[in-house]
Amino acid sequence: MMHVELSLVVDGTAHRVRVNPDTPLLYVLRDTLHSANPRFGCGLAQCGACTVLLDGEAVRSCVLPARAASGKRVTTLAGLGTPERPHPVQRAFADEQAMQCGYCINGWMMTAASLLAHERRPSERAIRDACAGLVCRCGAHLAMLRAIARAAAEQT
């Protein structure tokens, strides 16, 4: 197994990691850098629990080779905002009480953050389309869609 040194910038902090370059970014984030987010869901890029932002674009880290993130900015849910200054999506999800168990919330918030960074006032259809590939086993979909619409409406 060949290991190489990769440079990753995760939530604004530079890291040098020695890993197999084909290792999924999710494993590097969780196992090497000990990030609590993103989460392992399906391992097939079908549920969204592993979503991170890669240079601002929502990607599924469970299937993205670590080498693809080298030299790029990786943002996890922990780096989206702070308790003192939450991202508009984080604030809206809390205000709408849009989460239940919280397992899938990483994917929903990161997808919403990417959508709102690219489209200031997305339509309900655009929000639904962006979230179409996300899974929530608790059934909180409608509350999460309301939270995303709220975050879009409250953007300044």
C-alpha atoms as a PDB file:
ATOM      1  CA  MET A   1       0.000   0.000   0.000  1.00  0.00           C
ATOM      2  CA  MET A   2       1.600   3.246  -1.164  1.00  0.00           C
ATOM      3  CA  HIS A   3       1.383   6.236   1.175  1.00  0.00           C
ATOM      4  CA  VAL A   4       2.056   9.817   0.191  1.00  0.00           C
ATOM      5  CA  GLU A   5       2.039  13.085   2.051  1.00  0.00           C
ATOM      6  CA  LEU A   6      -0.932  15.297   1.215  1.00  0.00           C
ATOM      7  CA  SER A   7      -1.623  18.884   2.194  1.00  0.00           C
ATOM      8  CA  LEU A   8      -5.186  19.502   3.327  1.00  0.00           C
ATOM      9  CA  VAL A   9      -6.764  22.679   4.630  1.00  0.00           C
ATOM     10  CA  VAL A  10      -9.680  21.631   6.800  1.00  0.00           C
ATOM     11  CA  ASP A  11     -11.870  24.284   8.398  1.00  0.00           C
ATOM     12  CA  GLY A  12      -9.112  26.827   7.877  1.00  0.00           C
ATOM     13  CA  THR A  13      -6.328  24.763   9.449  1.00  0.00           C
ATOM     14  CA  ALA A  14      -3.488  23.359   7.325  1.00  0.00           C
ATOM     15  CA  HIS A  15      -2.681  19.676   7.805  1.00  0.00           C
ATOM     16  CA  ARG A  16      -0.072  17.357   6.326  1.00  0.00           C
ATOM     17  CA  VAL A  17      -1.206  13.755   6.335  1.00  0.00           C
ATOM     18  CA  ARG A  18       0.540  10.607   5.203  1.00  0.00           C
ATOM     19  CA  VAL A  19      -2.080   8.329   3.658  1.00  0.00           C
ATOM     20  CA  ASN A  20      -2.848   6.161   0.686  1.00  0.00           C
ATOM     21  CA  PRO A  21      -3.969   8.764  -1.872  1.00  0.00           C
ATOM     22  CA  ASP A  22      -6.968   6.611  -2.814  1.00  0.00           C
ATOM     23  CA  THR A  23      -8.283   6.557   0.751  1.00  0.00           C
ATOM     24  CA  PRO A  24     -11.695   8.232   0.835  1.00  0.00           C
ATOM     25  CA  LEU A  25     -11.502  11.753   2.219  1.00  0.00           C
ATOM     26  CA  LEU A  26     -14.134  10.782   4.797  1.00  0.00           C
ATOM     27  CA  TYR A  27     -11.725   8.308   6.415  1.00  0.00           C
ATOM     28  CA  VAL A  28      -8.898  10.832   6.461  1.00  0.00           C
ATOM     29  CA  LEU A  29     -11.155  13.421   8.093  1.00  0.00           C
ATOM     30  CA  ARG A  30     -12.568  11.058  10.708  1.00  0.00           C
ATOM     31  CA  ASP A  31      -9.739   8.602  11.365  1.00  0.00           C
ATOM     32  CA  THR A  32      -6.615  10.680  10.773  1.00  0.00           C
ATOM     33  CA  LEU A  33      -7.809  14.182  11.701  1.00  0.00           C
ATOM     34  CA  HIS A  34     -10.419  13.004  14.243  1.00  0.00           C
ATOM     35  CA  SER A  35     -13.240  15.152  12.890  1.00  0.00           C
ATOM     36  CA  ALA A  36     -16.664  14.305  14.316  1.00  0.00           C
ATOM     37  CA  ASN A  37     -18.219  15.530  11.067  1.00  0.00           C
ATOM     38  CA  PRO A  38     -18.851  14.378   8.410  1.00  0.00           C
ATOM     39  CA  ARG A  39     -20.518  11.066   9.162  1.00  0.00           C
ATOM     40  CA  PHE A  40     -20.342   7.662   7.531  1.00  0.00           C
ATOM     41  CA  GLY A  41     -23.768   6.765   6.197  1.00  0.00           C
ATOM     42  CA  CYS A  42     -23.857   4.463   3.204  1.00  0.00           C
ATOM     43  CA  GLY A  43     -20.324   4.597   1.786  1.00  0.00           C
ATOM     44  CA  LEU A  44     -21.832   4.857  -1.706  1.00  0.00           C
ATOM     45  CA  ALA A  45     -22.515   8.613  -2.039  1.00  0.00           C
ATOM     46  CA  GLN A  46     -26.249   7.950  -1.852  1.00  0.00           C
ATOM     47  CA  CYS A  47     -27.318   9.362   1.523  1.00  0.00           C
ATOM     48  CA  GLY A  48     -25.309  12.586   1.966  1.00  0.00           C
ATOM     49  CA  ALA A  49     -24.232  12.136   5.600  1.00  0.00           C
ATOM     50  CA  CYS A  50     -20.587  12.480   4.497  1.00  0.00           C
ATOM     51  CA  THR A  51     -21.027  15.782   2.633  1.00  0.00           C
ATOM     52  CA  VAL A  52     -18.303  18.418   2.938  1.00  0.00           C
ATOM     53  CA  LEU A  53     -17.544  21.540   0.952  1.00  0.00           C
ATOM     54  CA  LEU A  54     -14.529  21.290  -1.321  1.00  0.00           C
ATOM     55  CA  ASP A  55     -13.603  24.803  -2.405  1.00  0.00           C
ATOM     56  CA  GLY A  56     -17.232  25.707  -1.702  1.00  0.00           C
ATOM     57  CA  GLU A  57     -18.847  22.847  -3.638  1.00  0.00           C
ATOM     58  CA  ALA A  58     -20.813  20.140  -1.827  1.00  0.00           C
ATOM     59  CA  VAL A  59     -19.152  16.745  -2.378  1.00  0.00           C
ATOM     60  CA  ARG A  60     -19.654  13.286  -0.917  1.00  0.00           C
ATOM     61  CA  SER A  61     -16.444  12.552   0.965  1.00  0.00           C
ATOM     62  CA  CYS A  62     -17.088   8.809   1.249  1.00  0.00           C
ATOM     63  CA  VAL A  63     -16.216   8.312  -2.432  1.00  0.00           C
ATOM     64  CA  LEU A  64     -13.811  11.206  -2.990  1.00  0.00           C
ATOM     65  CA  PRO A  65     -10.161  10.088  -2.940  1.00  0.00           C
ATOM     66  CA  ALA A  66      -8.078  12.114  -0.485  1.00  0.00           C
ATOM     67  CA  ARG A  67      -5.741  13.106  -3.331  1.00  0.00           C
ATOM     68  CA  ALA A  68      -8.629  15.044  -4.918  1.00  0.00           C
ATOM     69  CA  ALA A  69      -8.750  17.321  -1.854  1.00  0.00           C
ATOM     70  CA  SER A  70      -5.028  17.974  -1.686  1.00  0.00           C
ATOM     71  CA  GLY A  71      -4.347  21.682  -1.932  1.00  0.00           C
ATOM     72  CA  LYS A  72      -8.022  22.584  -1.693  1.00  0.00           C
ATOM     73  CA  ARG A  73     -10.175  24.034   1.084  1.00  0.00           C
ATOM     74  CA  VAL A  74     -12.276  21.425   2.885  1.00  0.00           C
ATOM     75  CA  THR A  75     -15.071  22.739   5.067  1.00  0.00           C
ATOM     76  CA  THR A  76     -16.915  20.487   7.464  1.00  0.00           C
ATOM     77  CA  LEU A  77     -19.981  21.338   9.516  1.00  0.00           C
ATOM     78  CA  ALA A  78     -17.660  22.295  12.382  1.00  0.00           C
ATOM     79  CA  GLY A  79     -16.026  24.909  10.161  1.00  0.00           C
ATOM     80  CA  LEU A  80     -19.220  26.363   8.729  1.00  0.00           C
ATOM     81  CA  GLY A  81     -19.862  28.680  11.654  1.00  0.00           C
ATOM     82  CA  THR A  82     -19.246  29.060  15.367  1.00  0.00           C
ATOM     83  CA  PRO A  83     -21.593  29.063  18.353  1.00  0.00           C
ATOM     84  CA  GLU A  84     -21.056  32.825  18.573  1.00  0.00           C
ATOM     85  CA  ARG A  85     -21.454  33.384  14.821  1.00  0.00           C
ATOM     86  CA  PRO A  86     -23.433  30.518  13.323  1.00  0.00           C
ATOM     87  CA  HIS A  87     -23.789  30.232   9.575  1.00  0.00           C
ATOM     88  CA  PRO A  88     -27.287  31.318   8.427  1.00  0.00           C
ATOM     89  CA  VAL A  89     -28.114  27.672   7.684  1.00  0.00           C
ATOM     90  CA  GLN A  90     -27.096  26.582  11.191  1.00  0.00           C
ATOM     91  CA  ARG A  91     -29.135  29.385  12.746  1.00  0.00           C
ATOM     92  CA  ALA A  92     -32.200  28.572  10.619  1.00  0.00           C
ATOM     93  CA  PHE A  93     -32.016  24.855  11.425  1.00  0.00           C
ATOM     94  CA  ALA A  94     -31.918  25.688  15.139  1.00  0.00           C
ATOM     95  CA  ASP A  95     -34.723  28.245  14.843  1.00  0.00           C
ATOM     96  CA  GLU A  96     -36.905  25.784  12.921  1.00  0.00           C
ATOM     97  CA  GLN A  97     -35.945  22.914  15.249  1.00  0.00           C
ATOM     98  CA  ALA A  98     -35.306  21.018  12.044  1.00  0.00           C
ATOM     99  CA  MET A  99     -33.335  18.089  13.394  1.00  0.00           C
ATOM    100  CA  GLN A 100     -34.232  15.009  15.309  1.00  0.00           C
ATOM    101  CA  CYS A 101     -31.449  12.481  15.776  1.00  0.00           C
ATOM    102  CA  GLY A 102     -28.926  14.699  13.958  1.00  0.00           C
ATOM    103  CA  TYR A 103     -27.147  11.917  12.085  1.00  0.00           C
ATOM    104  CA  CYS A 104     -27.979  13.220   8.611  1.00  0.00           C
ATOM    105  CA  ILE A 105     -27.835  16.909   9.498  1.00  0.00           C
ATOM    106  CA  ASN A 106     -24.274  17.248   8.210  1.00  0.00           C
ATOM    107  CA  GLY A 107     -25.390  16.479   4.655  1.00  0.00           C
ATOM    108  CA  TRP A 108     -28.419  18.729   4.764  1.00  0.00           C
ATOM    109  CA  MET A 109     -26.597  21.742   6.180  1.00  0.00           C
ATOM    110  CA  MET A 110     -23.543  21.418   3.949  1.00  0.00           C
ATOM    111  CA  THR A 111     -25.701  20.974   0.845  1.00  0.00           C
ATOM    112  CA  ALA A 112     -27.792  23.987   1.857  1.00  0.00           C
ATOM    113  CA  ALA A 113     -24.693  26.108   2.511  1.00  0.00           C
ATOM    114  CA  SER A 114     -23.340  25.285  -0.947  1.00  0.00           C
ATOM    115  CA  LEU A 115     -26.697  26.012  -2.585  1.00  0.00           C
ATOM    116  CA  LEU A 116     -27.062  29.374  -0.836  1.00  0.00           C
ATOM    117  CA  ALA A 117     -23.484  30.356  -1.697  1.00  0.00           C
ATOM    118  CA  HIS A 118     -24.313  29.901  -5.370  1.00  0.00           C
ATOM    119  CA  GLU A 119     -27.940  31.012  -5.415  1.00  0.00           C
ATOM    120  CA  ARG A 120     -28.963  33.822  -3.060  1.00  0.00           C
ATOM    121  CA  ARG A 121     -32.728  33.311  -3.357  1.00  0.00           C
ATOM    122  CA  PRO A 122     -33.373  29.743  -4.533  1.00  0.00           C
ATOM    123  CA  SER A 123     -36.924  28.737  -5.354  1.00  0.00           C
ATOM    124  CA  GLU A 124     -38.637  25.964  -3.431  1.00  0.00           C
ATOM    125  CA  ARG A 125     -38.029  23.728  -6.472  1.00  0.00           C
ATOM    126  CA  ALA A 126     -34.288  24.583  -6.467  1.00  0.00           C
ATOM    127  CA  ILE A 127     -34.066  23.750  -2.753  1.00  0.00           C
ATOM    128  CA  ARG A 128     -35.866  20.449  -3.258  1.00  0.00           C
ATOM    129  CA  ASP A 129     -33.689  19.593  -6.258  1.00  0.00           C
ATOM    130  CA  ALA A 130     -30.476  20.338  -4.334  1.00  0.00           C
ATOM    131  CA  CYS A 131     -31.626  18.103  -1.470  1.00  0.00           C
ATOM    132  CA  ALA A 132     -33.073  15.311  -3.606  1.00  0.00           C
ATOM    133  CA  GLY A 133     -30.180  12.938  -2.908  1.00  0.00           C
ATOM    134  CA  LEU A 134     -30.211  13.376   0.867  1.00  0.00           C
ATOM    135  CA  VAL A 135     -31.684  10.835   3.246  1.00  0.00           C
ATOM    136  CA  CYS A 136     -33.200  11.423   6.683  1.00  0.00           C
ATOM    137  CA  ARG A 137     -34.467   8.340   8.463  1.00  0.00           C
ATOM    138  CA  CYS A 138     -36.302  10.391  11.114  1.00  0.00           C
ATOM    139  CA  GLY A 139     -38.571  11.981   8.527  1.00  0.00           C
ATOM    140  CA  ALA A 140     -37.640  15.588   9.318  1.00  0.00           C
ATOM    141  CA  HIS A 141     -37.422  16.474   5.613  1.00  0.00           C
ATOM    142  CA  LEU A 142     -40.134  19.130   5.631  1.00  0.00           C
ATOM    143  CA  ALA A 143     -38.691  20.944   8.637  1.00  0.00           C
ATOM    144  CA  MET A 144     -35.248  20.906   7.022  1.00  0.00           C
ATOM    145  CA  LEU A 145     -36.626  22.262   3.744  1.00  0.00           C
ATOM    146  CA  ARG A 146     -38.349  25.054   5.720  1.00  0.00           C
ATOM    147  CA  ALA A 147     -35.077  25.824   7.479  1.00  0.00           C
ATOM    148  CA  ILE A 148     -33.218  26.118   4.184  1.00  0.00           C
ATOM    149  CA  ALA A 149     -35.905  28.436   2.795  1.00  0.00           C
ATOM    150  CA  ARG A 150     -35.674  30.481   5.989  1.00  0.00           C
ATOM    151  CA  ALA A 151     -31.883  30.754   5.701  1.00  0.00           C
ATOM    152  CA  ALA A 152     -32.263  31.902   2.089  1.00  0.00           C
ATOM    153  CA  ALA A 153     -34.845  34.532   3.074  1.00  0.00           C
ATOM    154  CA  GLU A 154     -32.684  35.813   5.936  1.00  0.00           C
ATOM    155  CA  GLN A 155     -29.456  36.161   3.919  1.00  0.00           C
ATOM    156  CA  THR A 156     -28.241  39.727   3.750  1.00  0.00           C
END
